[in-house]
Amino acid sequence: SPEPQEAKRLSSEFWNDLEEAATVYGQIVDATVNPKIHSRLDLLNVLLKSHRIFLLAVFQGDLLEKEQLRLFDLAETIAYRWVASGGNAQMLENEFQEWALDIREKKSFESIEAKIVARLKALRFDVVNFLRNEGDSSYVVRALLYTLEYKLSPGANPKKASTIHVEHIAPDSSTPEWIEALLPESPDEDNYQILNSNAGNLTLLDYKLNSKAKQEIFSNKIKIYKDASLIITRDIGQNIDDWNVDLIEKRCEWLAECFNSIWTTDGSSAPVEEFSKWLNK
């Protein structure tokens, strides 16, 4: 057994390590571990919890900041793509634990990065199909809309989630006018609800404006959208004159391209553009 002095030293190291881990874990939960990723981590923390054990190893270890941020990018990307693909939650947790162990065992950053990228590339699914069918029922779509807004307005102050609502452009509760507008040849409530829940029909809107928009016809909604604080919605108000089935589907395709640009299969990120600019191309 260790000598009393050595036992005291080991005990002190244990409690210091535990205190440090608790501090870092608290910063991960509060999304304050690094200001460069605050908004993104805040969103990710709502999606799941299993990434936290991996991020604890990332931010408590001896990695350079650029390596920490790169591993966060990969963790964020695989989390959203995994959930969107319908992957098993326990399997993802096991993956995060394995990568955390690699960090603690001092395996090279390059080897850990390569392992996660390989897992990402093996994760294949139809993004358009996901957005079309799971639009207003998946938190991933809400996170995509927020993340897209951050990408379109770099440097802008983050919007508090409590002041922003997910807005159904064609309203969630149908009206005869909206059913006729979207389905003039075959007005049908069930088909309307399918279109209504498509991610292409969703945007973000300031709470106070959302209460005004409600079931208004599109020509009235765009007047409200022009006053939105968010580029993603202001773009519709300023540049879209009509709302129909074709535009909902095109916007779904645009969102799918944005999804793949923001959360790429190698964990990198590509530029995104407003819907109207994409549409005009």
Protein backbone atom coordinates (compact mmCIF):
# COMPACT_ATOMS: atom_id res chain seq x y z
CA SER A 1 0.00 0.00 0.00
CA PRO A 2 1.24 3.56 -0.64
CA GLU A 3 2.94 5.48 2.12
CA PRO A 4 0.71 8.01 3.93
CA GLN A 5 2.30 10.95 2.10
CA GLU A 6 1.84 9.28 -1.28
CA ALA A 7 -1.74 8.29 -0.44
CA LYS A 8 -2.46 11.91 0.47
CA ARG A 9 -1.01 13.09 -2.84
CA LEU A 10 -3.06 10.58 -4.85
CA SER A 11 -6.18 11.51 -2.97
CA SER A 12 -5.57 15.20 -3.63
CA GLU A 13 -5.03 14.54 -7.35
CA PHE A 14 -8.23 12.51 -7.52
CA TRP A 15 -10.35 15.25 -5.96
CA ASN A 16 -8.72 17.96 -8.06
CA ASP A 17 -9.39 15.97 -11.23
CA LEU A 18 -12.97 15.37 -10.13
CA GLU A 19 -13.51 19.06 -9.41
CA GLU A 20 -12.06 20.03 -12.79
CA ALA A 21 -14.27 17.48 -14.58
CA ALA A 22 -17.35 18.76 -12.76
CA THR A 23 -16.50 22.34 -13.76
CA VAL A 24 -15.95 21.50 -17.42
CA TYR A 25 -19.08 19.33 -17.53
CA GLY A 26 -21.09 22.20 -16.08
CA GLN A 27 -19.72 24.51 -18.77
CA ILE A 28 -20.76 21.99 -21.44
CA VAL A 29 -24.28 21.78 -20.02
CA ASP A 30 -24.47 25.60 -19.83
CA ALA A 31 -22.90 25.91 -23.32
CA THR A 32 -20.19 28.21 -21.92
CA VAL A 33 -17.19 25.96 -22.44
CA ASN A 34 -16.06 28.07 -25.43
CA PRO A 35 -17.79 31.27 -26.61
CA LYS A 36 -17.07 30.37 -30.25
CA ILE A 37 -19.58 27.52 -30.10
CA HIS A 38 -22.07 28.84 -27.54
CA SER A 39 -25.15 29.04 -29.77
CA ARG A 40 -24.42 25.73 -31.48
CA LEU A 41 -23.80 23.85 -28.25
CA ASP A 42 -26.93 25.39 -26.76
CA LEU A 43 -28.94 23.87 -29.62
CA LEU A 44 -27.13 20.53 -29.46
CA ASN A 45 -27.79 20.15 -25.74
CA VAL A 46 -31.53 20.09 -26.45
CA LEU A 47 -31.13 17.32 -29.03
CA LEU A 48 -29.41 14.77 -26.78
CA LYS A 49 -27.03 14.26 -23.85
CA SER A 50 -24.71 11.49 -25.01
CA HIS A 51 -22.29 13.92 -26.68
CA ARG A 52 -21.41 15.43 -23.30
CA ILE A 53 -19.13 12.58 -22.19
CA PHE A 54 -17.18 12.97 -25.43
CA LEU A 55 -16.98 16.76 -25.14
CA LEU A 56 -15.82 16.41 -21.54
CA ALA A 57 -12.81 14.46 -22.79
CA VAL A 58 -12.30 16.98 -25.62
CA PHE A 59 -12.31 20.10 -23.46
CA GLN A 60 -10.66 18.61 -20.38
CA GLY A 61 -7.76 17.09 -22.28
CA ASP A 62 -4.52 18.50 -23.67
CA LEU A 63 -5.81 19.21 -27.17
CA LEU A 64 -5.14 22.50 -28.92
CA GLU A 65 -8.16 24.78 -29.25
CA LYS A 66 -8.33 24.24 -33.01
CA GLU A 67 -8.40 20.48 -32.38
CA GLN A 68 -11.11 20.88 -29.74
CA LEU A 69 -13.25 22.92 -32.13
CA ARG A 70 -12.70 20.44 -34.95
CA LEU A 71 -13.85 17.55 -32.75
CA PHE A 72 -16.86 19.59 -31.66
CA ASP A 73 -17.72 20.14 -35.34
CA LEU A 74 -17.61 16.39 -35.89
CA ALA A 75 -19.63 15.59 -32.77
CA GLU A 76 -22.29 18.13 -33.73
CA THR A 77 -22.49 16.84 -37.30
CA ILE A 78 -22.74 13.17 -36.40
CA ALA A 79 -25.34 13.91 -33.71
CA TYR A 80 -27.72 15.67 -36.11
CA ARG A 81 -27.15 13.26 -38.98
CA TRP A 82 -27.53 10.25 -36.68
CA VAL A 83 -30.84 11.42 -35.23
CA ALA A 84 -32.17 12.45 -38.66
CA SER A 85 -31.28 9.04 -40.08
CA GLY A 86 -33.22 7.29 -37.30
CA GLY A 87 -30.08 5.74 -35.80
CA ASN A 88 -30.17 3.90 -32.47
CA ALA A 89 -29.49 6.29 -29.56
CA GLN A 90 -27.59 3.73 -27.49
CA MET A 91 -25.26 2.96 -30.38
CA LEU A 92 -24.42 6.65 -30.73
CA GLU A 93 -23.74 6.88 -27.00
CA ASN A 94 -21.38 3.90 -27.31
CA GLU A 95 -19.55 5.64 -30.17
CA PHE A 96 -19.12 8.84 -28.14
CA GLN A 97 -17.79 6.84 -25.18
CA GLU A 98 -15.30 5.03 -27.41
CA TRP A 99 -13.97 8.29 -28.86
CA ALA A 100 -13.77 9.83 -25.39
CA LEU A 101 -11.68 6.84 -24.27
CA ASP A 102 -9.37 7.33 -27.26
CA ILE A 103 -8.71 10.91 -26.10
CA ARG A 104 -8.06 9.85 -22.51
CA GLU A 105 -5.68 7.14 -23.73
CA LYS A 106 -3.74 9.89 -25.53
CA LYS A 107 -4.33 8.53 -29.01
CA SER A 108 -3.39 11.00 -31.72
CA PHE A 109 -5.84 13.71 -32.74
CA GLU A 110 -5.48 12.62 -36.37
CA SER A 111 -6.48 9.02 -35.61
CA ILE A 112 -9.55 10.11 -33.62
CA GLU A 113 -10.58 12.57 -36.32
CA ALA A 114 -10.20 9.90 -39.02
CA LYS A 115 -12.28 7.40 -37.02
CA ILE A 116 -15.19 9.85 -36.61
CA VAL A 117 -15.08 10.98 -40.25
CA ALA A 118 -15.17 7.33 -41.38
CA ARG A 119 -18.26 6.77 -39.20
CA LEU A 120 -19.88 9.88 -40.65
CA LYS A 121 -19.30 8.79 -44.24
CA ALA A 122 -20.87 5.41 -43.50
CA LEU A 123 -24.03 7.10 -42.24
CA ARG A 124 -26.21 7.40 -45.34
CA PHE A 125 -29.84 8.53 -45.63
CA ASP A 126 -32.13 10.62 -47.84
CA VAL A 127 -32.13 14.14 -46.37
CA VAL A 128 -34.92 15.43 -48.62
CA ASN A 129 -37.13 12.52 -47.62
CA PHE A 130 -36.42 13.18 -43.93
CA LEU A 131 -37.30 16.88 -44.24
CA ARG A 132 -40.40 16.16 -46.29
CA ASN A 133 -41.82 13.57 -43.89
CA GLU A 134 -40.50 14.64 -40.47
CA GLY A 135 -40.59 18.41 -40.98
CA ASP A 136 -42.52 19.83 -38.06
CA SER A 137 -42.13 16.79 -35.79
CA SER A 138 -38.33 16.67 -35.51
CA TYR A 139 -36.17 18.93 -33.36
CA VAL A 140 -33.44 18.49 -35.98
CA VAL A 141 -35.47 20.68 -38.36
CA ARG A 142 -35.83 23.42 -35.75
CA ALA A 143 -32.07 23.25 -35.11
CA LEU A 144 -31.41 23.42 -38.86
CA LEU A 145 -33.50 26.58 -39.19
CA TYR A 146 -31.69 28.24 -36.27
CA THR A 147 -28.25 27.15 -37.49
CA LEU A 148 -29.05 28.33 -41.00
CA GLU A 149 -30.05 31.73 -39.62
CA TYR A 150 -26.70 31.96 -37.78
CA LYS A 151 -24.90 31.11 -41.01
CA LEU A 152 -26.85 33.72 -43.00
CA SER A 153 -26.23 36.45 -40.42
CA PRO A 154 -22.68 35.96 -39.09
CA GLY A 155 -21.83 38.25 -36.22
CA ALA A 156 -25.44 39.04 -35.38
CA ASN A 157 -26.57 38.69 -31.79
CA PRO A 158 -28.04 35.22 -31.17
CA LYS A 159 -31.81 35.10 -30.96
CA LYS A 160 -33.24 33.82 -27.69
CA ALA A 161 -35.32 30.72 -28.36
CA SER A 162 -38.08 32.08 -26.13
CA THR A 163 -38.58 35.05 -28.48
CA ILE A 164 -38.62 33.00 -31.71
CA HIS A 165 -41.27 30.56 -32.89
CA VAL A 166 -41.32 28.00 -35.68
CA GLU A 167 -43.80 29.42 -38.18
CA HIS A 168 -45.91 27.37 -40.59
CA ILE A 169 -46.12 29.53 -43.70
CA ALA A 170 -49.25 27.69 -44.83
CA PRO A 171 -50.80 27.64 -41.33
CA ASP A 172 -50.91 24.58 -39.13
CA SER A 173 -54.68 24.97 -38.74
CA SER A 174 -56.12 25.05 -42.23
CA THR A 175 -58.58 27.55 -43.63
CA PRO A 176 -60.70 27.15 -46.78
CA GLU A 177 -58.64 29.92 -48.41
CA TRP A 178 -55.34 28.14 -47.75
CA ILE A 179 -56.60 24.72 -48.84
CA GLU A 180 -57.84 26.29 -52.05
CA ALA A 181 -54.55 28.15 -52.53
CA LEU A 182 -52.40 25.01 -52.21
CA LEU A 183 -54.75 22.40 -53.63
CA PRO A 184 -57.06 24.16 -56.11
CA GLU A 185 -57.76 21.01 -58.15
CA SER A 186 -58.27 18.61 -55.26
CA PRO A 187 -58.97 20.46 -51.97
CA ASP A 188 -58.39 17.93 -49.21
CA GLU A 189 -57.57 18.38 -45.52
CA ASP A 190 -55.31 15.32 -45.28
CA ASN A 191 -53.21 16.36 -48.26
CA TYR A 192 -53.06 19.89 -46.89
CA GLN A 193 -51.64 18.63 -43.60
CA ILE A 194 -48.96 16.65 -45.44
CA LEU A 195 -47.86 19.81 -47.25
CA ASN A 196 -48.20 21.89 -44.12
CA SER A 197 -45.81 19.69 -42.11
CA ASN A 198 -43.14 19.59 -44.84
CA ALA A 199 -39.98 21.37 -43.65
CA GLY A 200 -40.15 23.50 -46.78
CA ASN A 201 -43.23 25.14 -45.27
CA LEU A 202 -41.46 26.10 -42.04
CA THR A 203 -39.52 29.19 -41.07
CA LEU A 204 -38.68 31.15 -37.91
CA LEU A 205 -40.58 34.21 -36.76
CA ASP A 206 -40.40 36.65 -33.87
CA TYR A 207 -42.94 35.76 -31.19
CA LYS A 208 -44.88 39.01 -31.46
CA LEU A 209 -45.07 38.75 -35.25
CA ASN A 210 -46.02 35.08 -35.07
CA SER A 211 -49.12 35.96 -33.09
CA LYS A 212 -50.10 38.35 -35.89
CA ALA A 213 -49.42 35.98 -38.77
CA LYS A 214 -51.41 32.94 -37.61
CA GLN A 215 -53.86 31.98 -40.40
CA GLU A 216 -53.47 35.09 -42.54
CA ILE A 217 -53.40 34.61 -46.31
CA PHE A 218 -49.93 34.73 -47.87
CA SER A 219 -50.25 38.26 -49.25
CA ASN A 220 -50.82 39.47 -45.68
CA LYS A 221 -48.15 37.22 -44.19
CA ILE A 222 -45.38 38.58 -46.38
CA LYS A 223 -46.12 42.08 -45.07
CA ILE A 224 -45.45 40.70 -41.59
CA TYR A 225 -42.39 38.72 -42.70
CA LYS A 226 -40.78 41.89 -44.05
CA ASP A 227 -40.55 43.14 -40.44
CA ALA A 228 -38.97 39.92 -39.12
CA SER A 229 -35.60 40.15 -37.37
CA LEU A 230 -34.46 36.95 -39.09
CA ILE A 231 -32.97 36.87 -42.59
CA ILE A 232 -34.44 33.44 -43.33
CA THR A 233 -37.96 34.87 -42.98
CA ARG A 234 -37.37 38.43 -44.18
CA ASP A 235 -36.13 36.90 -47.44
CA ILE A 236 -39.58 35.33 -48.02
CA GLY A 237 -41.38 38.59 -47.26
CA GLN A 238 -39.18 40.60 -49.61
CA ASN A 239 -38.65 38.18 -52.49
CA ILE A 240 -41.46 35.60 -52.71
CA ASP A 241 -44.80 36.69 -54.21
CA ASP A 242 -46.81 33.49 -53.97
CA TRP A 243 -46.88 30.28 -51.94
CA ASN A 244 -47.73 26.96 -53.55
CA VAL A 245 -46.94 23.25 -53.62
CA ASP A 246 -44.01 23.70 -56.01
CA LEU A 247 -42.36 26.33 -53.80
CA ILE A 248 -42.78 24.19 -50.67
CA GLU A 249 -41.02 21.31 -52.41
CA LYS A 250 -38.28 23.55 -53.79
CA ARG A 251 -37.71 25.05 -50.36
CA CYS A 252 -37.47 21.53 -48.94
CA GLU A 253 -34.75 20.79 -51.50
CA TRP A 254 -32.99 24.04 -50.55
CA LEU A 255 -33.10 23.08 -46.87
CA ALA A 256 -31.65 19.67 -47.73
CA GLU A 257 -28.74 21.35 -49.53
CA CYS A 258 -28.26 23.63 -46.50
CA PHE A 259 -28.35 20.58 -44.20
CA ASN A 260 -25.58 18.94 -46.23
CA SER A 261 -23.59 22.18 -46.41
CA ILE A 262 -23.77 22.83 -42.66
CA TRP A 263 -23.39 19.23 -41.47
CA THR A 264 -21.25 17.70 -44.21
CA THR A 265 -20.23 14.05 -44.21
CA ASP A 266 -16.65 15.00 -43.34
CA GLY A 267 -17.61 17.42 -40.58
CA SER A 268 -16.58 20.51 -42.53
CA SER A 269 -18.90 23.36 -43.45
CA ALA A 270 -19.74 25.05 -46.75
CA PRO A 271 -21.38 28.43 -47.49
CA VAL A 272 -25.17 28.76 -47.60
CA GLU A 273 -27.39 31.37 -49.26
CA GLU A 274 -30.90 32.72 -48.95
CA PHE A 275 -33.75 30.73 -50.48
CA SER A 276 -34.58 33.43 -53.05
CA LYS A 277 -31.00 33.51 -54.36
CA TRP A 278 -30.89 29.73 -54.56
CA LEU A 279 -34.27 29.69 -56.32
CA ASN A 280 -33.21 32.23 -58.94
CA LYS A 281 -30.26 30.06 -59.92
